[in-house]
Amino acid sequence: MQENHKKFKAPPKKYQPRGISVLYEDYDILVVDKMSGLLSVSTVKIRDNTAYNLLTNYVRRGNQKAKNKLFVVHRLDRETSGILMFAKTEEAKRYLMDDWHDFVKKYYAVVEGILPEKEGIITSYLAENSAFKMYSVKDSEKGAFAKTGFKVLQESKKYSLLEIELFTGKKNQIRVHFSEKGFPVVGDSKYGKKERGIERMALHATSLTLIHPITREKMTFESKMPEYFTSLMRR
């Protein structure tokens, strides 16, 4: 099986869709770096211009009769950039989703204000209201457990740059946890506030460490922090 992975030949780079950089690909997984503003999967309003659809077309390039498929393992919010992974077989998808909680997922975020604690863990039970907005509840039977670790890397007069470890992967988890603490992610109009001169939401999936579903090799994929985050911290 490992020998087959060495022989894998990806489609030429010229076929990579705009806004997505392929970090790694073999017969079982596809790992990419997604730009901010691109949906991971389709919605009712947007069906074609998504990472899933663009990458499905990509893996089929060069062989119009190919039946190559992609399977969703996790998602990034539309305005979140960084590492996004898809499975290419049912077997890989089942393994990755079953063991997702064991993988190490790290993010960078710029948040409003100065945190009193420079390192810590936020936990809550998250539920969704009729407006599709997530919020914390006290009753464990009414929400899903969410756990977010953080460390302050840098502070300015207005903002804090955080390294975040996502122990669970609930919808909008990072955004909700820091908003409810009074430190919303910069540029998050849903859980924070609109601010003039802000180009995008300052949340980026920077690294993913996992065990390969077939070879059982430990692998780490990384994406550099956007330069925009550095420019925010200089304001």
Protein backbone atom coordinates (compact mmCIF):
# COMPACT_ATOMS: atom_id res chain seq x y z
CA MET A 1 0.00 0.00 0.00
CA GLN A 2 2.83 2.42 0.83
CA GLU A 3 4.43 1.63 -2.54
CA ASN A 4 1.20 2.64 -4.29
CA HIS A 5 1.22 5.96 -2.47
CA LYS A 6 4.74 6.66 -3.75
CA LYS A 7 3.57 6.04 -7.33
CA PHE A 8 0.59 8.39 -7.08
CA LYS A 9 0.64 11.07 -9.76
CA ALA A 10 -1.45 14.17 -9.12
CA PRO A 11 -2.98 16.27 -11.90
CA PRO A 12 -0.67 19.06 -13.16
CA LYS A 13 -0.58 22.20 -11.02
CA LYS A 14 -2.13 24.20 -13.84
CA TYR A 15 -5.43 22.44 -13.05
CA GLN A 16 -5.50 23.60 -9.44
CA PRO A 17 -8.50 25.91 -8.92
CA ARG A 18 -7.99 29.56 -8.05
CA GLY A 19 -8.08 30.30 -4.35
CA ILE A 20 -6.90 26.80 -3.40
CA SER A 21 -3.36 25.45 -3.07
CA VAL A 22 -2.88 21.68 -2.93
CA LEU A 23 -0.54 20.83 -0.04
CA TYR A 24 -0.66 17.04 -0.32
CA GLU A 25 -2.50 14.42 -2.32
CA ASP A 26 -2.45 10.63 -2.65
CA TYR A 27 -4.99 7.92 -3.40
CA ASP A 28 -6.79 8.41 -0.08
CA ILE A 29 -6.61 12.05 1.06
CA LEU A 30 -6.41 15.56 -0.37
CA VAL A 31 -5.12 18.40 1.81
CA VAL A 32 -5.40 22.00 0.61
CA ASP A 33 -4.89 25.59 1.73
CA LYS A 34 -8.19 27.44 1.23
CA MET A 35 -8.49 31.20 0.77
CA SER A 36 -10.83 33.34 2.87
CA GLY A 37 -14.19 33.95 1.20
CA LEU A 38 -14.56 30.50 -0.38
CA LEU A 39 -17.19 28.10 0.94
CA SER A 40 -16.07 24.59 1.88
CA VAL A 41 -19.27 22.96 0.63
CA SER A 42 -22.46 24.02 -1.13
CA THR A 43 -25.31 25.97 0.41
CA VAL A 44 -28.85 26.61 -0.83
CA LYS A 45 -27.68 29.85 -2.47
CA ILE A 46 -24.21 28.81 -3.66
CA ARG A 47 -23.73 25.39 -5.23
CA ASP A 48 -20.82 25.49 -7.67
CA ASN A 49 -18.17 27.91 -6.41
CA THR A 50 -17.10 25.86 -3.40
CA ALA A 51 -13.89 24.10 -2.42
CA TYR A 52 -15.64 20.73 -2.67
CA ASN A 53 -16.92 21.25 -6.21
CA LEU A 54 -13.76 22.92 -7.50
CA LEU A 55 -11.58 20.14 -6.09
CA THR A 56 -13.88 17.40 -7.40
CA ASN A 57 -13.31 18.82 -10.86
CA TYR A 58 -9.59 19.04 -10.17
CA VAL A 59 -9.13 15.37 -9.19
CA ARG A 60 -10.93 14.33 -12.39
CA ARG A 61 -8.78 16.43 -14.72
CA GLY A 62 -6.79 14.57 -17.32
CA ASN A 63 -9.26 11.68 -17.37
CA GLN A 64 -12.78 12.66 -18.32
CA LYS A 65 -14.05 9.12 -17.56
CA ALA A 66 -12.60 9.11 -14.05
CA LYS A 67 -14.96 8.34 -11.21
CA ASN A 68 -12.79 9.99 -8.59
CA LYS A 69 -14.88 11.33 -5.71
CA LEU A 70 -14.27 13.48 -2.70
CA PHE A 71 -15.78 12.95 0.73
CA VAL A 72 -16.24 15.74 3.27
CA VAL A 73 -14.35 15.14 6.53
CA HIS A 74 -14.60 18.60 8.13
CA ARG A 75 -15.34 22.18 7.10
CA LEU A 76 -13.94 25.65 7.47
CA ASP A 77 -16.23 28.67 7.71
CA ARG A 78 -16.41 30.68 4.51
CA GLU A 79 -14.28 33.55 5.85
CA THR A 80 -11.76 31.24 7.56
CA SER A 81 -8.64 30.48 5.55
CA GLY A 82 -6.16 27.64 5.88
CA ILE A 83 -5.94 23.87 5.95
CA LEU A 84 -8.90 21.88 4.68
CA MET A 85 -8.86 18.12 4.09
CA PHE A 86 -11.04 15.77 2.04
CA ALA A 87 -11.04 11.98 1.82
CA LYS A 88 -10.97 10.26 -1.55
CA THR A 89 -12.43 6.92 -0.45
CA GLU A 90 -15.25 5.82 1.86
CA GLU A 91 -12.75 3.87 3.97
CA ALA A 92 -10.54 6.94 4.48
CA LYS A 93 -13.55 9.11 5.30
CA ARG A 94 -14.83 6.73 7.99
CA TYR A 95 -11.40 6.47 9.64
CA LEU A 96 -10.73 10.21 9.60
CA MET A 97 -14.15 11.15 10.96
CA ASP A 98 -14.02 8.48 13.68
CA ASP A 99 -10.58 9.65 14.86
CA TRP A 100 -10.97 13.37 14.16
CA HIS A 101 -11.04 14.25 17.88
CA ASP A 102 -7.57 12.69 18.29
CA PHE A 103 -5.90 14.85 15.64
CA VAL A 104 -4.16 18.13 16.50
CA LYS A 105 -5.80 21.18 14.89
CA LYS A 106 -4.26 24.63 15.41
CA TYR A 107 -5.46 28.07 14.34
CA TYR A 108 -4.30 31.67 14.43
CA ALA A 109 -6.81 34.38 15.29
CA VAL A 110 -6.71 38.12 15.90
CA VAL A 111 -9.35 39.10 18.46
CA GLU A 112 -10.65 42.37 19.80
CA GLY A 113 -9.15 43.60 23.10
CA ILE A 114 -6.60 42.33 25.62
CA LEU A 115 -7.27 39.02 27.35
CA PRO A 116 -6.70 39.01 31.15
CA GLU A 117 -5.53 35.39 30.98
CA LYS A 118 -2.71 34.77 28.50
CA GLU A 119 -3.29 31.03 28.22
CA GLY A 120 -6.21 28.78 29.01
CA ILE A 121 -9.08 26.55 27.94
CA ILE A 122 -12.69 27.53 27.17
CA THR A 123 -15.43 24.92 27.41
CA SER A 124 -19.18 25.08 26.92
CA TYR A 125 -22.14 23.27 25.39
CA LEU A 126 -23.07 24.75 22.02
CA ALA A 127 -26.57 24.87 20.56
CA GLU A 128 -28.01 26.50 17.41
CA ASN A 129 -31.00 28.83 17.28
CA SER A 130 -33.57 29.26 14.52
CA ALA A 131 -31.38 31.91 12.86
CA PHE A 132 -28.55 29.33 12.51
CA LYS A 133 -26.48 31.14 15.11
CA MET A 134 -24.54 29.15 17.70
CA TYR A 135 -24.56 29.97 21.41
CA SER A 136 -23.58 28.35 24.72
CA VAL A 137 -26.09 26.65 27.00
CA LYS A 138 -25.71 25.30 30.54
CA ASP A 139 -27.71 22.12 29.96
CA SER A 140 -25.49 19.40 28.48
CA GLU A 141 -28.56 17.71 27.01
CA LYS A 142 -29.38 20.80 24.95
CA GLY A 143 -25.94 21.39 23.46
CA ALA A 144 -22.79 19.66 22.19
CA PHE A 145 -19.59 19.81 24.24
CA ALA A 146 -16.98 22.19 22.82
CA LYS A 147 -13.41 22.71 24.04
CA THR A 148 -11.01 25.41 22.83
CA GLY A 149 -7.43 25.98 24.02
CA PHE A 150 -5.63 29.29 23.50
CA LYS A 151 -2.35 31.12 24.05
CA VAL A 152 -1.69 34.84 23.53
CA LEU A 153 1.25 35.34 21.16
CA GLN A 154 1.20 39.12 20.78
CA GLU A 155 -0.75 42.18 21.93
CA SER A 156 -1.32 45.66 20.54
CA LYS A 157 -3.41 48.55 21.79
CA LYS A 158 -6.57 47.14 20.20
CA TYR A 159 -5.99 43.48 19.40
CA SER A 160 -4.54 40.17 20.58
CA LEU A 161 -2.97 37.54 18.33
CA LEU A 162 -3.81 34.04 19.54
CA GLU A 163 -2.67 30.52 18.80
CA ILE A 164 -5.68 28.26 19.26
CA GLU A 165 -5.95 24.50 19.60
CA LEU A 166 -9.32 23.09 18.63
CA PHE A 167 -9.99 20.04 20.80
CA THR A 168 -13.49 19.60 19.37
CA GLY A 169 -14.84 20.77 16.02
CA LYS A 170 -18.27 22.27 16.51
CA LYS A 171 -19.82 24.80 14.13
CA ASN A 172 -18.41 28.34 14.65
CA GLN A 173 -16.81 27.10 17.89
CA ILE A 174 -13.82 29.47 18.05
CA ARG A 175 -15.90 32.46 17.02
CA VAL A 176 -18.59 31.79 19.63
CA HIS A 177 -16.22 31.05 22.51
CA PHE A 178 -14.22 34.26 22.14
CA SER A 179 -17.24 36.40 21.36
CA GLU A 180 -18.99 35.24 24.51
CA LYS A 181 -15.86 36.08 26.53
CA GLY A 182 -15.97 39.61 25.13
CA PHE A 183 -13.13 39.19 22.63
CA PRO A 184 -14.72 38.53 19.22
CA VAL A 185 -12.57 37.59 16.23
CA VAL A 186 -11.70 40.69 14.23
CA GLY A 187 -13.93 40.97 11.15
CA ASP A 188 -16.57 38.57 12.44
CA SER A 189 -19.80 40.42 11.70
CA LYS A 190 -21.95 37.48 12.85
CA TYR A 191 -20.63 37.15 16.41
CA GLY A 192 -18.76 40.43 16.72
CA LYS A 193 -19.11 43.80 15.08
CA LYS A 194 -18.55 45.45 11.74
CA GLU A 195 -15.49 47.68 11.70
CA ARG A 196 -14.41 50.02 8.94
CA GLY A 197 -11.20 49.13 7.17
CA ILE A 198 -11.31 45.42 8.03
CA GLU A 199 -10.81 43.30 4.91
CA ARG A 200 -11.65 39.82 6.23
CA MET A 201 -12.26 37.73 9.31
CA ALA A 202 -8.97 37.12 11.11
CA LEU A 203 -9.17 33.35 11.60
CA HIS A 204 -6.78 30.90 9.94
CA ALA A 205 -6.34 27.12 10.20
CA THR A 206 -2.57 26.92 10.42
CA SER A 207 -1.73 23.25 11.08
CA LEU A 208 -3.22 19.77 11.11
CA THR A 209 -1.50 16.69 12.51
CA LEU A 210 -3.11 13.33 11.79
CA ILE A 211 -2.51 9.62 11.30
CA HIS A 212 -2.88 8.60 7.65
CA PRO A 213 -5.97 6.39 7.23
CA ILE A 214 -4.13 3.70 5.24
CA THR A 215 -0.38 3.91 5.89
CA ARG A 216 -0.87 4.89 9.58
CA GLU A 217 1.95 7.40 9.13
CA LYS A 218 1.89 10.50 11.34
CA MET A 219 1.65 13.56 9.11
CA THR A 220 1.62 17.31 9.79
CA PHE A 221 0.44 19.91 7.29
CA GLU A 222 1.09 23.61 7.78
CA SER A 223 -0.09 26.91 6.33
CA LYS A 224 1.61 30.22 7.12
CA MET A 225 -0.24 32.90 9.01
CA PRO A 226 -1.62 35.48 6.56
CA GLU A 227 0.41 38.69 6.39
CA TYR A 228 -2.85 40.55 6.97
CA PHE A 229 -2.86 39.34 10.58
CA THR A 230 0.57 40.92 11.11
CA SER A 231 -0.64 44.19 9.62
CA LEU A 232 -3.64 44.20 11.98
CA MET A 233 -1.32 43.87 14.96
CA ARG A 234 0.63 46.96 13.84
CA ARG A 235 -2.46 49.18 13.96
